[in-house]
PDB file of all heavy atoms in Angstrom:
ATOM      1  N   SER A   1      16.836   7.625   3.139  1.00  0.00           N
ATOM      2  CA  SER A   1      16.112   8.502   4.063  1.00  0.00           C
ATOM      3  C   SER A   1      16.225   8.025   5.501  1.00  0.00           C
ATOM      4  O   SER A   1      16.182   8.822   6.425  1.00  0.00           O
ATOM      5  CB  SER A   1      14.639   8.580   3.656  1.00  0.00           C
ATOM      6  OG  SER A   1      14.035   7.308   3.713  1.00  0.00           O
ATOM      7  N   GLU A   2      16.341   6.711   5.697  1.00  0.00           N
ATOM      8  CA  GLU A   2      16.387   6.199   7.054  1.00  0.00           C
ATOM      9  C   GLU A   2      17.694   6.561   7.749  1.00  0.00           C
ATOM     10  O   GLU A   2      17.755   6.634   8.963  1.00  0.00           O
ATOM     11  CB  GLU A   2      16.175   4.678   7.050  1.00  0.00           C
ATOM     12  CG  GLU A   2      14.763   4.285   6.642  1.00  0.00           C
ATOM     13  CD  GLU A   2      14.536   2.798   6.676  1.00  0.00           C
ATOM     14  OE1 GLU A   2      15.420   2.093   7.205  1.00  0.00           O
ATOM     15  OE2 GLU A   2      13.497   2.337   6.193  1.00  0.00           O
ATOM     16  N   SER A   3      18.782   6.764   7.009  1.00  0.00           N
ATOM     17  CA  SER A   3      20.055   7.082   7.642  1.00  0.00           C
ATOM     18  C   SER A   3      20.319   8.575   7.680  1.00  0.00           C
ATOM     19  O   SER A   3      21.267   9.020   8.321  1.00  0.00           O
ATOM     20  CB  SER A   3      21.201   6.373   6.910  1.00  0.00           C
ATOM     21  OG  SER A   3      21.328   6.878   5.595  1.00  0.00           O
ATOM     22  N   ALA A   4      19.534   9.362   6.976  1.00  0.00           N
ATOM     23  CA  ALA A   4      19.691  10.808   7.023  1.00  0.00           C
ATOM     24  C   ALA A   4      19.027  11.312   8.302  1.00  0.00           C
ATOM     25  O   ALA A   4      17.815  11.218   8.451  1.00  0.00           O
ATOM     26  CB  ALA A   4      19.050  11.453   5.804  1.00  0.00           C
ATOM     27  N   PRO A   5      19.795  11.847   9.237  1.00  0.00           N
ATOM     28  CA  PRO A   5      19.205  12.228  10.522  1.00  0.00           C
ATOM     29  C   PRO A   5      18.130  13.299  10.353  1.00  0.00           C
ATOM     30  O   PRO A   5      18.350  14.305   9.674  1.00  0.00           O
ATOM     31  CB  PRO A   5      20.402  12.775  11.314  1.00  0.00           C
ATOM     32  CG  PRO A   5      21.597  12.188  10.651  1.00  0.00           C
ATOM     33  CD  PRO A   5      21.245  12.071   9.208  1.00  0.00           C
ATOM     34  N   PRO A   6      16.974  13.100  10.942  1.00  0.00           N
ATOM     35  CA  PRO A   6      15.890  14.072  10.789  1.00  0.00           C
ATOM     36  C   PRO A   6      15.974  15.190  11.824  1.00  0.00           C
ATOM     37  O   PRO A   6      16.645  15.075  12.853  1.00  0.00           O
ATOM     38  CB  PRO A   6      14.648  13.222  11.056  1.00  0.00           C
ATOM     39  CG  PRO A   6      15.119  12.238  12.100  1.00  0.00           C
ATOM     40  CD  PRO A   6      16.552  11.922  11.726  1.00  0.00           C
ATOM     41  N   ASN A   7      15.293  16.284  11.556  1.00  0.00           N
ATOM     42  CA  ASN A   7      14.935  17.191  12.626  1.00  0.00           C
ATOM     43  C   ASN A   7      13.969  16.455  13.547  1.00  0.00           C
ATOM     44  O   ASN A   7      13.222  15.570  13.107  1.00  0.00           O
ATOM     45  CB  ASN A   7      14.242  18.437  12.077  1.00  0.00           C
ATOM     46  CG  ASN A   7      15.080  19.165  11.062  1.00  0.00           C
ATOM     47  OD1 ASN A   7      16.270  19.390  11.271  1.00  0.00           O
ATOM     48  ND2 ASN A   7      14.462  19.541   9.946  1.00  0.00           N
ATOM     49  N   ILE A   8      13.957  16.837  14.824  1.00  0.00           N
ATOM     50  CA  ILE A   8      13.125  16.133  15.803  1.00  0.00           C
ATOM     51  C   ILE A   8      12.308  17.144  16.590  1.00  0.00           C
ATOM     52  O   ILE A   8      12.858  18.099  17.147  1.00  0.00           O
ATOM     53  CB  ILE A   8      13.984  15.291  16.764  1.00  0.00           C
ATOM     54  CG1 ILE A   8      14.820  14.258  15.997  1.00  0.00           C
ATOM     55  CG2 ILE A   8      13.103  14.598  17.798  1.00  0.00           C
ATOM     56  CD1 ILE A   8      15.893  13.594  16.838  1.00  0.00           C
ATOM     57  N   ILE A   9      10.997  16.939  16.635  1.00  0.00           N
ATOM     58  CA  ILE A   9      10.112  17.726  17.493  1.00  0.00           C
ATOM     59  C   ILE A   9       9.384  16.752  18.420  1.00  0.00           C
ATOM     60  O   ILE A   9       8.780  15.784  17.957  1.00  0.00           O
ATOM     61  CB  ILE A   9       9.093  18.545  16.684  1.00  0.00           C
ATOM     62  CG1 ILE A   9       9.809  19.503  15.726  1.00  0.00           C
ATOM     63  CG2 ILE A   9       8.165  19.322  17.616  1.00  0.00           C
ATOM     64  CD1 ILE A   9       8.857  20.294  14.841  1.00  0.00           C
ATOM     65  N   PHE A  10       9.456  17.028  19.721  1.00  0.00           N
ATOM     66  CA  PHE A  10       8.786  16.172  20.701  1.00  0.00           C
ATOM     67  C   PHE A  10       7.791  17.032  21.470  1.00  0.00           C
ATOM     68  O   PHE A  10       8.173  17.898  22.251  1.00  0.00           O
ATOM     69  CB  PHE A  10       9.797  15.539  21.658  1.00  0.00           C
ATOM     70  CG  PHE A  10       9.265  14.360  22.422  1.00  0.00           C
ATOM     71  CD1 PHE A  10       9.513  13.069  21.984  1.00  0.00           C
ATOM     72  CD2 PHE A  10       8.499  14.541  23.570  1.00  0.00           C
ATOM     73  CE1 PHE A  10       9.014  11.970  22.685  1.00  0.00           C
ATOM     74  CE2 PHE A  10       8.001  13.456  24.268  1.00  0.00           C
ATOM     75  CZ  PHE A  10       8.262  12.165  23.830  1.00  0.00           C
ATOM     76  N   ILE A  11       6.492  16.814  21.205  1.00  0.00           N
ATOM     77  CA  ILE A  11       5.414  17.596  21.815  1.00  0.00           C
ATOM     78  C   ILE A  11       4.780  16.775  22.935  1.00  0.00           C
ATOM     79  O   ILE A  11       4.419  15.608  22.731  1.00  0.00           O
ATOM     80  CB  ILE A  11       4.332  17.949  20.780  1.00  0.00           C
ATOM     81  CG1 ILE A  11       4.950  18.642  19.560  1.00  0.00           C
ATOM     82  CG2 ILE A  11       3.255  18.836  21.410  1.00  0.00           C
ATOM     83  CD1 ILE A  11       3.989  18.769  18.387  1.00  0.00           C
ATOM     84  N   MET A  12       4.627  17.384  24.097  1.00  0.00           N
ATOM     85  CA  MET A  12       4.048  16.671  25.234  1.00  0.00           C
ATOM     86  C   MET A  12       2.993  17.530  25.919  1.00  0.00           C
ATOM     87  O   MET A  12       3.281  18.642  26.359  1.00  0.00           O
ATOM     88  CB  MET A  12       5.135  16.286  26.230  1.00  0.00           C
ATOM     89  CG  MET A  12       4.649  15.391  27.361  1.00  0.00           C
ATOM     90  SD  MET A  12       6.022  14.631  28.253  1.00  0.00           S
ATOM     91  CE  MET A  12       6.722  16.073  29.072  1.00  0.00           C
ATOM     92  N   ALA A  13       1.776  17.018  25.998  1.00  0.00           N
ATOM     93  CA  ALA A  13       0.710  17.677  26.752  1.00  0.00           C
ATOM     94  C   ALA A  13       0.896  17.398  28.237  1.00  0.00           C
ATOM     95  O   ALA A  13       1.672  16.522  28.632  1.00  0.00           O
ATOM     96  CB  ALA A  13      -0.651  17.186  26.270  1.00  0.00           C
ATOM     97  N   ASP A  14       0.174  18.112  29.068  1.00  0.00           N
ATOM     98  CA  ASP A  14       0.297  17.988  30.520  1.00  0.00           C
ATOM     99  C   ASP A  14      -1.029  17.504  31.103  1.00  0.00           C
ATOM    100  O   ASP A  14      -2.040  18.209  31.044  1.00  0.00           O
ATOM    101  CB  ASP A  14       0.671  19.353  31.106  1.00  0.00           C
ATOM    102  CG  ASP A  14       1.152  19.284  32.542  1.00  0.00           C
ATOM    103  OD1 ASP A  14       0.908  18.264  33.202  1.00  0.00           O
ATOM    104  OD2 ASP A  14       1.764  20.254  33.002  1.00  0.00           O
ATOM    105  N   ASP A  15      -1.026  16.288  31.648  1.00  0.00           N
ATOM    106  CA  ASP A  15      -2.219  15.700  32.269  1.00  0.00           C
ATOM    107  C   ASP A  15      -3.332  15.386  31.270  1.00  0.00           C
ATOM    108  O   ASP A  15      -4.503  15.309  31.655  1.00  0.00           O
ATOM    109  CB  ASP A  15      -2.782  16.605  33.374  1.00  0.00           C
ATOM    110  CG  ASP A  15      -1.972  16.568  34.657  1.00  0.00           C
ATOM    111  OD1 ASP A  15      -0.904  15.939  34.664  1.00  0.00           O
ATOM    112  OD2 ASP A  15      -2.403  17.183  35.651  1.00  0.00           O
ATOM    113  N   MET A  16      -3.012  15.212  30.025  1.00  0.00           N
ATOM    114  CA  MET A  16      -4.019  14.816  29.044  1.00  0.00           C
ATOM    115  C   MET A  16      -4.211  13.308  29.101  1.00  0.00           C
ATOM    116  O   MET A  16      -3.240  12.554  29.101  1.00  0.00           O
ATOM    117  CB  MET A  16      -3.597  15.230  27.636  1.00  0.00           C
ATOM    118  CG  MET A  16      -4.699  15.048  26.597  1.00  0.00           C
ATOM    119  SD  MET A  16      -4.116  15.395  24.927  1.00  0.00           S
ATOM    120  CE  MET A  16      -3.093  13.950  24.662  1.00  0.00           C
ATOM    121  N   GLY A  17      -5.445  12.863  29.158  1.00  0.00           N
ATOM    122  CA  GLY A  17      -5.723  11.445  29.311  1.00  0.00           C
ATOM    123  C   GLY A  17      -5.588  10.644  28.030  1.00  0.00           C
ATOM    124  O   GLY A  17      -5.593  11.197  26.927  1.00  0.00           O
ATOM    125  N   TYR A  18      -5.496   9.341  28.197  1.00  0.00           N
ATOM    126  CA  TYR A  18      -5.373   8.421  27.069  1.00  0.00           C
ATOM    127  C   TYR A  18      -6.548   8.550  26.112  1.00  0.00           C
ATOM    128  O   TYR A  18      -6.400   8.366  24.903  1.00  0.00           O
ATOM    129  CB  TYR A  18      -5.283   6.994  27.604  1.00  0.00           C
ATOM    130  CG  TYR A  18      -5.038   5.928  26.558  1.00  0.00           C
ATOM    131  CD1 TYR A  18      -3.758   5.675  26.086  1.00  0.00           C
ATOM    132  CD2 TYR A  18      -6.088   5.164  26.066  1.00  0.00           C
ATOM    133  CE1 TYR A  18      -3.528   4.688  25.133  1.00  0.00           C
ATOM    134  CE2 TYR A  18      -5.873   4.175  25.116  1.00  0.00           C
ATOM    135  CZ  TYR A  18      -4.589   3.944  24.656  1.00  0.00           C
ATOM    136  OH  TYR A  18      -4.368   2.961  23.714  1.00  0.00           O
ATOM    137  N   GLY A  19      -7.710   8.893  26.642  1.00  0.00           N
ATOM    138  CA  GLY A  19      -8.908   8.963  25.811  1.00  0.00           C
ATOM    139  C   GLY A  19      -9.327  10.359  25.419  1.00  0.00           C
ATOM    140  O   GLY A  19     -10.472  10.562  24.984  1.00  0.00           O
ATOM    141  N   ASP A  20      -8.441  11.360  25.557  1.00  0.00           N
ATOM    142  CA  ASP A  20      -8.825  12.741  25.298  1.00  0.00           C
ATOM    143  C   ASP A  20      -8.725  13.158  23.832  1.00  0.00           C
ATOM    144  O   ASP A  20      -9.080  14.288  23.494  1.00  0.00           O
ATOM    145  CB  ASP A  20      -7.976  13.700  26.145  1.00  0.00           C
ATOM    146  CG  ASP A  20      -8.583  13.975  27.516  1.00  0.00           C
ATOM    147  OD1 ASP A  20      -9.821  13.907  27.625  1.00  0.00           O
ATOM    148  OD2 ASP A  20      -7.825  14.251  28.461  1.00  0.00           O
ATOM    149  N   LEU A  21      -8.241  12.288  22.964  1.00  0.00           N
ATOM    150  CA  LEU A  21      -8.125  12.596  21.537  1.00  0.00           C
ATOM    151  C   LEU A  21      -9.124  11.786  20.738  1.00  0.00           C
ATOM    152  O   LEU A  21      -9.412  10.622  21.072  1.00  0.00           O
ATOM    153  CB  LEU A  21      -6.709  12.288  21.038  1.00  0.00           C
ATOM    154  CG  LEU A  21      -5.545  13.015  21.717  1.00  0.00           C
ATOM    155  CD1 LEU A  21      -4.218  12.494  21.172  1.00  0.00           C
ATOM    156  CD2 LEU A  21      -5.657  14.524  21.511  1.00  0.00           C
ATOM    157  N   ARG A  22      -9.624  12.360  19.663  1.00  0.00           N
ATOM    158  CA  ARG A  22     -10.578  11.633  18.806  1.00  0.00           C
ATOM    159  C   ARG A  22      -9.968  10.328  18.295  1.00  0.00           C
ATOM    160  O   ARG A  22     -10.642   9.298  18.212  1.00  0.00           O
ATOM    161  CB  ARG A  22     -10.998  12.514  17.621  1.00  0.00           C
ATOM    162  CG  ARG A  22     -11.924  13.667  17.982  1.00  0.00           C
ATOM    163  CD  ARG A  22     -13.326  13.178  18.328  1.00  0.00           C
ATOM    164  NE  ARG A  22     -14.220  14.271  18.685  1.00  0.00           N
ATOM    165  CZ  ARG A  22     -15.191  14.720  17.923  1.00  0.00           C
ATOM    166  NH1 ARG A  22     -15.392  14.210  16.721  1.00  0.00           N
ATOM    167  NH2 ARG A  22     -15.978  15.696  18.344  1.00  0.00           N
ATOM    168  N   CYS A  23      -8.684  10.392  17.931  1.00  0.00           N
ATOM    169  CA  CYS A  23      -8.050   9.196  17.367  1.00  0.00           C
ATOM    170  C   CYS A  23      -7.812   8.115  18.417  1.00  0.00           C
ATOM    171  O   CYS A  23      -7.386   7.002  18.088  1.00  0.00           O
ATOM    172  CB  CYS A  23      -6.745   9.555  16.660  1.00  0.00           C
ATOM    173  SG  CYS A  23      -5.584  10.515  17.641  1.00  0.00           S
ATOM    174  N   TYR A  24      -8.090   8.405  19.692  1.00  0.00           N
ATOM    175  CA  TYR A  24      -8.028   7.403  20.766  1.00  0.00           C
ATOM    176  C   TYR A  24      -9.399   7.184  21.393  1.00  0.00           C
ATOM    177  O   TYR A  24      -9.496   6.709  22.516  1.00  0.00           O
ATOM    178  CB  TYR A  24      -7.015   7.822  21.831  1.00  0.00           C
ATOM    179  CG  TYR A  24      -5.586   7.549  21.429  1.00  0.00           C
ATOM    180  CD1 TYR A  24      -4.874   8.462  20.662  1.00  0.00           C
ATOM    181  CD2 TYR A  24      -4.938   6.363  21.793  1.00  0.00           C
ATOM    182  CE1 TYR A  24      -3.562   8.221  20.277  1.00  0.00           C
ATOM    183  CE2 TYR A  24      -3.632   6.108  21.419  1.00  0.00           C
ATOM    184  CZ  TYR A  24      -2.953   7.037  20.660  1.00  0.00           C
ATOM    185  OH  TYR A  24      -1.644   6.776  20.279  1.00  0.00           O
ATOM    186  N   GLY A  25     -10.460   7.556  20.683  1.00  0.00           N
ATOM    187  CA  GLY A  25     -11.792   7.220  21.133  1.00  0.00           C
ATOM    188  C   GLY A  25     -12.638   8.358  21.647  1.00  0.00           C
ATOM    189  O   GLY A  25     -13.819   8.164  21.958  1.00  0.00           O
ATOM    190  N   GLN A  26     -12.079   9.560  21.767  1.00  0.00           N
ATOM    191  CA  GLN A  26     -12.849  10.716  22.230  1.00  0.00           C
ATOM    192  C   GLN A  26     -13.975  11.026  21.238  1.00  0.00           C
ATOM    193  O   GLN A  26     -13.794  10.973  20.030  1.00  0.00           O
ATOM    194  CB  GLN A  26     -11.933  11.930  22.369  1.00  0.00           C
ATOM    195  CG  GLN A  26     -12.589  13.203  22.797  1.00  0.00           C
ATOM    196  CD  GLN A  26     -13.272  13.100  24.145  1.00  0.00           C
ATOM    197  OE1 GLN A  26     -14.378  13.590  24.322  1.00  0.00           O
ATOM    198  NE2 GLN A  26     -12.619  12.450  25.104  1.00  0.00           N
ATOM    199  N   THR A  27     -15.129  11.372  21.765  1.00  0.00           N
ATOM    200  CA  THR A  27     -16.269  11.670  20.895  1.00  0.00           C
ATOM    201  C   THR A  27     -16.756  13.106  21.017  1.00  0.00           C
ATOM    202  O   THR A  27     -17.609  13.533  20.227  1.00  0.00           O
ATOM    203  CB  THR A  27     -17.443  10.727  21.203  1.00  0.00           C
ATOM    204  OG1 THR A  27     -17.828  10.888  22.582  1.00  0.00           O
ATOM    205  CG2 THR A  27     -17.062   9.268  20.954  1.00  0.00           C
ATOM    206  N   THR A  28     -16.228  13.863  21.978  1.00  0.00           N
ATOM    207  CA  THR A  28     -16.755  15.196  22.241  1.00  0.00           C
ATOM    208  C   THR A  28     -15.753  16.297  21.924  1.00  0.00           C
ATOM    209  O   THR A  28     -16.087  17.289  21.264  1.00  0.00           O
ATOM    210  CB  THR A  28     -17.186  15.305  23.721  1.00  0.00           C
ATOM    211  OG1 THR A  28     -18.150  14.289  24.004  1.00  0.00           O
ATOM    212  CG2 THR A  28     -17.783  16.672  24.012  1.00  0.00           C
ATOM    213  N   ILE A  29     -14.527  16.158  22.379  1.00  0.00           N
ATOM    214  CA  ILE A  29     -13.502  17.186  22.194  1.00  0.00           C
ATOM    215  C   ILE A  29     -12.968  17.120  20.757  1.00  0.00           C
ATOM    216  O   ILE A  29     -12.676  16.035  20.242  1.00  0.00           O
ATOM    217  CB  ILE A  29     -12.352  17.006  23.200  1.00  0.00           C
ATOM    218  CG1 ILE A  29     -12.889  17.065  24.636  1.00  0.00           C
ATOM    219  CG2 ILE A  29     -11.288  18.084  22.999  1.00  0.00           C
ATOM    220  CD1 ILE A  29     -11.863  16.723  25.695  1.00  0.00           C
ATOM    221  N   GLN A  30     -12.833  18.280  20.142  1.00  0.00           N
ATOM    222  CA  GLN A  30     -12.382  18.349  18.752  1.00  0.00           C
ATOM    223  C   GLN A  30     -10.847  18.428  18.680  1.00  0.00           C
ATOM    224  O   GLN A  30     -10.248  19.340  19.246  1.00  0.00           O
ATOM    225  CB  GLN A  30     -12.994  19.570  18.071  1.00  0.00           C
ATOM    226  CG  GLN A  30     -14.514  19.570  18.060  1.00  0.00           C
ATOM    227  CD  GLN A  30     -15.085  20.873  17.551  1.00  0.00           C
ATOM    228  OE1 GLN A  30     -14.466  21.565  16.734  1.00  0.00           O
ATOM    229  NE2 GLN A  30     -16.281  21.228  18.018  1.00  0.00           N
ATOM    230  N   THR A  31     -10.239  17.481  17.968  1.00  0.00           N
ATOM    231  CA  THR A  31      -8.780  17.471  17.801  1.00  0.00           C
ATOM    232  C   THR A  31      -8.419  17.134  16.343  1.00  0.00           C
ATOM    233  O   THR A  31      -7.719  16.155  16.073  1.00  0.00           O
ATOM    234  CB  THR A  31      -8.128  16.460  18.761  1.00  0.00           C
ATOM    235  OG1 THR A  31      -8.734  15.154  18.577  1.00  0.00           O
ATOM    236  CG2 THR A  31      -8.280  16.886  20.202  1.00  0.00           C
ATOM    237  N   PRO A  32      -8.858  17.919  15.382  1.00  0.00           N
ATOM    238  CA  PRO A  32      -8.677  17.545  13.973  1.00  0.00           C
ATOM    239  C   PRO A  32      -7.218  17.482  13.528  1.00  0.00           C
ATOM    240  O   PRO A  32      -6.865  16.633  12.701  1.00  0.00           O
ATOM    241  CB  PRO A  32      -9.437  18.646  13.221  1.00  0.00           C
ATOM    242  CG  PRO A  32      -9.471  19.815  14.163  1.00  0.00           C
ATOM    243  CD  PRO A  32      -9.598  19.207  15.526  1.00  0.00           C
ATOM    244  N   ASN A  33      -6.357  18.352  14.039  1.00  0.00           N
ATOM    245  CA  ASN A  33      -4.970  18.364  13.578  1.00  0.00           C
ATOM    246  C   ASN A  33      -4.178  17.176  14.117  1.00  0.00           C
ATOM    247  O   ASN A  33      -3.380  16.571  13.391  1.00  0.00           O
ATOM    248  CB  ASN A  33      -4.305  19.681  13.989  1.00  0.00           C
ATOM    249  CG  ASN A  33      -4.899  20.866  13.264  1.00  0.00           C
ATOM    250  OD1 ASN A  33      -4.805  20.990  12.056  1.00  0.00           O
ATOM    251  ND2 ASN A  33      -5.557  21.747  14.010  1.00  0.00           N
ATOM    252  N   ILE A  34      -4.408  16.838  15.383  1.00  0.00           N
ATOM    253  CA  ILE A  34      -3.725  15.673  15.949  1.00  0.00           C
ATOM    254  C   ILE A  34      -4.270  14.397  15.323  1.00  0.00           C
ATOM    255  O   ILE A  34      -3.530  13.445  15.051  1.00  0.00           O
ATOM    256  CB  ILE A  34      -3.854  15.665  17.481  1.00  0.00           C
ATOM    257  CG1 ILE A  34      -3.191  16.913  18.063  1.00  0.00           C
ATOM    258  CG2 ILE A  34      -3.212  14.417  18.068  1.00  0.00           C
ATOM    259  CD1 ILE A  34      -3.444  17.118  19.549  1.00  0.00           C
ATOM    260  N   ASP A  35      -5.571  14.372  15.048  1.00  0.00           N
ATOM    261  CA  ASP A  35      -6.142  13.209  14.354  1.00  0.00           C
ATOM    262  C   ASP A  35      -5.543  13.057  12.961  1.00  0.00           C
ATOM    263  O   ASP A  35      -5.269  11.942  12.502  1.00  0.00           O
ATOM    264  CB  ASP A  35      -7.659  13.356  14.251  1.00  0.00           C
ATOM    265  CG  ASP A  35      -8.337  13.421  15.611  1.00  0.00           C
ATOM    266  OD1 ASP A  35      -7.721  12.982  16.599  1.00  0.00           O
ATOM    267  OD2 ASP A  35      -9.470  13.926  15.687  1.00  0.00           O
TER     268      ASP A  35
END
């Protein structure tokens, strides 16, 4: 599997802070799918 080239998706938000996701410490904004 490591040598079989994968499809690649690169998602980038714009001006989103380091702490804006629950999985990076956010406590108010809901981000269940990214978490």
